[in-house]
Protein backbone atom coordinates (compact mmCIF):
# COMPACT_ATOMS: atom_id res chain seq x y z
CA MET A 1 -21.84 2.38 -13.90
CA PRO A 2 -21.49 -0.55 -16.33
CA LYS A 3 -18.93 -3.17 -15.32
CA SER A 4 -16.86 -2.56 -18.45
CA GLN A 5 -16.11 1.03 -17.48
CA LYS A 6 -13.21 1.82 -15.18
CA PRO A 7 -13.70 4.57 -12.64
CA GLU A 8 -12.20 7.88 -13.66
CA PRO A 9 -8.71 8.34 -12.13
CA VAL A 10 -8.38 10.93 -9.40
CA LYS A 11 -6.74 14.09 -10.71
CA PHE A 12 -4.83 16.72 -8.80
CA THR A 13 -2.17 19.34 -9.37
CA VAL A 14 1.35 18.88 -8.05
CA ARG A 15 3.52 21.88 -7.30
CA MET A 16 7.25 21.20 -7.43
CA SER A 17 10.39 23.26 -7.43
CA PRO A 18 12.19 23.81 -10.73
CA GLU A 19 15.12 21.82 -9.30
CA LEU A 20 12.92 18.79 -8.63
CA ARG A 21 11.37 19.12 -12.09
CA LEU A 22 14.87 18.97 -13.63
CA ILE A 23 15.72 15.84 -11.64
CA ILE A 24 12.50 14.14 -12.74
CA ASP A 25 12.99 15.20 -16.35
CA GLU A 26 16.52 13.76 -16.36
CA MET A 27 15.45 10.39 -14.94
CA ARG A 28 12.17 9.85 -16.75
CA GLY A 29 13.41 9.11 -20.25
CA GLU A 30 10.37 8.36 -22.42
CA LYS A 31 8.00 8.10 -19.46
CA SER A 32 5.55 10.84 -18.59
CA ILE A 33 5.92 12.71 -15.33
CA ASN A 34 2.55 11.24 -14.36
CA GLN A 35 3.90 7.71 -14.92
CA ILE A 36 7.05 8.42 -12.89
CA ILE A 37 5.02 9.82 -9.98
CA ASN A 38 2.56 6.89 -10.10
CA GLU A 39 5.39 4.33 -10.13
CA TRP A 40 7.08 6.05 -7.20
CA LEU A 41 3.85 6.24 -5.19
CA TRP A 42 3.06 2.56 -5.86
CA SER A 43 6.56 1.51 -4.82
CA LYS A 44 6.21 3.49 -1.58
CA ALA A 45 2.70 2.16 -0.92
CA VAL A 46 3.59 -1.48 -1.54
CA GLY A 47 7.21 -1.37 -0.41
CA ASP A 48 9.81 -4.10 -0.37
CA GLY A 49 12.90 -5.10 1.59
CA ALA A 50 14.95 -2.29 0.08
CA ASP A 51 12.37 0.25 1.23
CA ARG A 52 12.43 -1.13 4.77
CA VAL A 53 16.25 -0.94 4.86
CA ALA A 54 16.22 2.61 3.49
CA ASP A 55 13.52 3.68 5.96
CA SER A 56 15.52 2.28 8.88
CA LEU A 57 18.72 4.02 7.73
CA ARG A 58 17.24 7.51 7.19
CA PRO A 59 17.23 8.55 10.88
CA ALA A 60 20.87 7.48 11.35
CA LEU A 61 21.94 9.18 8.12
CA ALA A 62 20.18 12.38 9.19
CA LEU A 63 22.42 12.54 12.29
CA MET A 64 25.64 12.40 10.22
CA ASP A 65 27.42 15.33 8.66
CA ASP A 66 27.80 15.33 4.86
CA ALA A 67 31.28 13.78 4.85
CA ASP A 68 30.34 10.94 7.21
CA ARG A 69 27.12 10.31 5.31
CA GLU A 70 28.96 10.08 1.97
CA GLU A 71 31.57 7.75 3.48
CA PHE A 72 28.86 5.53 4.98
CA VAL A 73 26.89 5.40 1.73
CA ALA A 74 30.00 4.55 -0.30
CA SER A 75 30.91 1.78 2.16
CA ALA A 76 27.37 0.39 2.18
CA ILE A 77 27.31 0.31 -1.62
CA THR A 78 30.64 -1.54 -1.64
CA VAL A 79 29.25 -4.15 0.77
CA VAL A 80 26.07 -4.61 -1.27
CA GLU A 81 28.06 -4.99 -4.49
CA ALA A 82 30.31 -7.60 -2.84
CA LEU A 83 27.28 -9.53 -1.58
CA THR A 84 25.73 -9.40 -5.05
CA ARG A 85 28.91 -10.74 -6.67
CA ALA A 86 29.17 -13.50 -4.06
CA GLY A 87 25.55 -14.47 -4.68
CA ARG A 88 26.15 -14.69 -8.41
CA ARG A 89 29.16 -16.93 -7.88
CA GLN A 90 27.15 -19.20 -5.60
CA ARG A 91 24.36 -19.53 -8.18
CA ARG A 92 26.87 -20.45 -10.91
CA LYS A 93 28.44 -23.14 -8.71
CA GLY A 94 25.12 -24.56 -7.55
């Protein structure tokens, strides 16, 4: 194969529920479903700090009932938002 040619991408069929298709359609905007799936797979393959935090929380969240899980998630979001605001204030002062 000449160096200027890229290898042909691997192709496969994905089966998904109609409910999942609706969720993807609502979030994708102008992006293709293929692009959304590729971006998601790359983010999972490469990962970052947020992925590590989420992965560590999943087992604990799975043990909670719906009400406790929603309360925990709301509280965690409040803490993250407060930390973000505090970080912005620190950057403005510094």
